[in-house]
Amino acid sequence: MHDTKDEIREIKEQLIKAGKTAARELIKVAEEAIVNTSELGKDPLAADKLKTAAAAKKASIFDAFEILDKVESEEKKLLSPEDDSEQASKAPQIEDKDVDFKSAEQRV
């Protein structure tokens, strides 16, 4: 079982690294010029292209933040791992008692 935990940890570390790389690539997309300003008057579709490009940039920025939030969260989990006994103690305890599945009207 120890190999599985180590393998999962290694995969998570690779995903974190890939997430950081993806965020950097999205930054490149966001930094690119939207359209060539000399084409604005000549191209009848320039306004549509501008809207599409702006939407793509917005999506890339929000995606990058979302990726970085998840990366940060997963890094924190990896840096402060809890052993199974600690996690088990934090799990909600279910009382062992008889459960009455009758509706309120039936119980009266």
Foldseek 3Di string as FASTA:
>chain_A
DVVVVVVVLVVLVVLLVVLLVLLVVLVVLLPDDQDDVVCCVVDPCNVVSSVVSVVSNVVSNVSSVVSVVVSVVSVVCSVDPDDPVVVVVPDDDDDPDDDDPDDPVVVD
